[in-house]
Amino acid sequence: FFLQIKINLRKGKSILGMNEFSLILHETRSFPYNYLIEEILGRNDLLNTMYKTVSVKFNGENWGLMLMEESYSDSFYARHKIKEAPIFRFGTEHIKAKSSNP
């Protein structure tokens, strides 16, 4: 099951400092591994994506805890104090681990 909701807020609006982000299930991003890698990148002054675990209610329905993932947007560039430019990102979202069992 894959769920991802892309959110773009109006100019001047932000949530937790992000004006563009996705709400995704934790397992979609290999949580907690991807989160830990991003934390290590940030602590070493490298570009990193901000993640937050948030409780989501949509139209009154409780969707539970989801991962709020920062997008490459105005707030991302402002947080890192860099000019807008193309960013290449490597991920493991489409790699499936092989089982050690035959």
Protein backbone atom coordinates (compact mmCIF):
# COMPACT_ATOMS: atom_id res chain seq x y z
CA PHE A 1 0.00 0.00 0.00
CA PHE A 2 1.47 3.34 -1.09
CA LEU A 3 0.04 6.68 -0.01
CA GLN A 4 1.57 10.06 -0.74
CA ILE A 5 -0.18 13.41 -0.60
CA LYS A 6 1.62 16.46 -2.00
CA ILE A 7 0.80 19.74 -0.21
CA ASN A 8 1.56 23.21 -1.64
CA LEU A 9 0.65 26.10 0.65
CA ARG A 10 -0.17 29.60 -0.55
CA LYS A 11 2.57 32.23 -0.67
CA GLY A 12 3.66 33.33 2.79
CA LYS A 13 2.07 30.31 4.52
CA SER A 14 4.02 27.42 6.07
CA ILE A 15 3.69 24.54 8.50
CA LEU A 16 6.75 23.74 10.62
CA GLY A 17 8.73 26.04 8.30
CA MET A 18 7.73 24.15 5.13
CA ASN A 19 5.59 25.65 2.37
CA GLU A 20 5.69 22.56 0.17
CA PHE A 21 5.80 18.99 1.49
CA SER A 22 4.43 15.46 1.18
CA LEU A 23 2.58 13.36 3.71
CA ILE A 24 3.61 9.72 3.33
CA LEU A 25 3.53 6.46 5.23
CA HIS A 26 6.71 5.83 7.22
CA GLU A 27 7.52 2.56 5.48
CA THR A 28 7.49 4.34 2.09
CA ARG A 29 10.82 6.01 2.97
CA SER A 30 12.39 3.02 4.78
CA PHE A 31 11.86 4.73 8.13
CA PRO A 32 13.96 5.12 10.29
CA TYR A 33 16.97 4.59 8.00
CA ASN A 34 16.30 7.41 5.55
CA TYR A 35 15.49 9.75 8.45
CA LEU A 36 18.79 8.91 10.16
CA ILE A 37 20.77 9.44 6.96
CA GLU A 38 19.18 12.88 6.50
CA GLU A 39 20.03 13.77 10.13
CA ILE A 40 23.68 12.76 9.60
CA LEU A 41 23.84 14.81 6.39
CA GLY A 42 22.49 17.87 8.22
CA ARG A 43 24.92 17.52 11.11
CA ASN A 44 27.76 17.50 8.58
CA ASP A 45 26.55 20.70 6.87
CA LEU A 46 25.34 18.86 3.76
CA LEU A 47 21.98 19.47 2.07
CA ASN A 48 19.29 17.42 3.74
CA THR A 49 15.54 17.06 3.59
CA MET A 50 13.59 17.79 6.76
CA TYR A 51 11.28 15.06 8.08
CA LYS A 52 8.71 15.29 10.87
CA THR A 53 6.30 12.69 12.21
CA VAL A 54 2.84 14.24 12.40
CA SER A 55 -0.63 13.08 13.38
CA VAL A 56 -2.96 13.48 10.38
CA LYS A 57 -6.71 14.01 10.37
CA PHE A 58 -8.33 14.39 6.95
CA ASN A 59 -11.98 15.48 6.71
CA GLY A 60 -12.46 14.39 10.33
CA GLU A 61 -11.00 10.92 9.71
CA ASN A 62 -7.93 9.97 11.76
CA TRP A 63 -5.20 8.70 9.39
CA GLY A 64 -2.73 8.21 12.25
CA LEU A 65 0.96 9.05 12.23
CA MET A 66 2.51 9.96 8.90
CA LEU A 67 5.86 11.30 7.75
CA MET A 68 5.95 14.95 6.64
CA GLU A 69 8.72 15.20 4.02
CA GLU A 70 10.06 18.57 2.89
CA SER A 71 10.03 19.23 -0.86
CA TYR A 72 12.65 21.14 -2.82
CA SER A 73 10.86 24.47 -2.63
CA ASP A 74 11.40 28.07 -1.56
CA SER A 75 11.54 27.08 2.11
CA PHE A 76 14.15 24.36 1.42
CA TYR A 77 16.46 26.81 -0.39
CA ALA A 78 15.91 29.50 2.27
CA ARG A 79 16.67 27.06 5.14
CA HIS A 80 19.96 26.08 3.49
CA LYS A 81 20.73 29.67 2.39
CA ILE A 82 21.41 28.64 -1.23
CA LYS A 83 20.19 29.84 -4.62
CA GLU A 84 17.59 27.77 -6.41
CA ALA A 85 19.33 25.19 -8.62
CA PRO A 86 18.78 21.61 -9.79
CA ILE A 87 19.33 19.02 -7.05
CA PHE A 88 20.04 15.36 -7.74
CA ARG A 89 18.91 12.89 -5.12
CA PHE A 90 19.62 9.20 -4.77
CA GLY A 91 17.08 7.04 -2.98
CA THR A 92 16.17 3.47 -2.24
CA GLU A 93 12.39 3.73 -2.69
CA HIS A 94 12.33 1.41 -5.72
CA ILE A 95 14.92 -1.12 -4.53
CA LYS A 96 13.55 -4.28 -2.97
CA ALA A 97 15.71 -6.20 -0.52
CA LYS A 98 16.37 -9.80 -1.47
CA SER A 99 15.36 -12.37 1.06
CA SER A 100 18.07 -14.65 2.42
CA ASN A 101 15.52 -17.49 2.27
CA PRO A 102 15.37 -19.36 -1.06
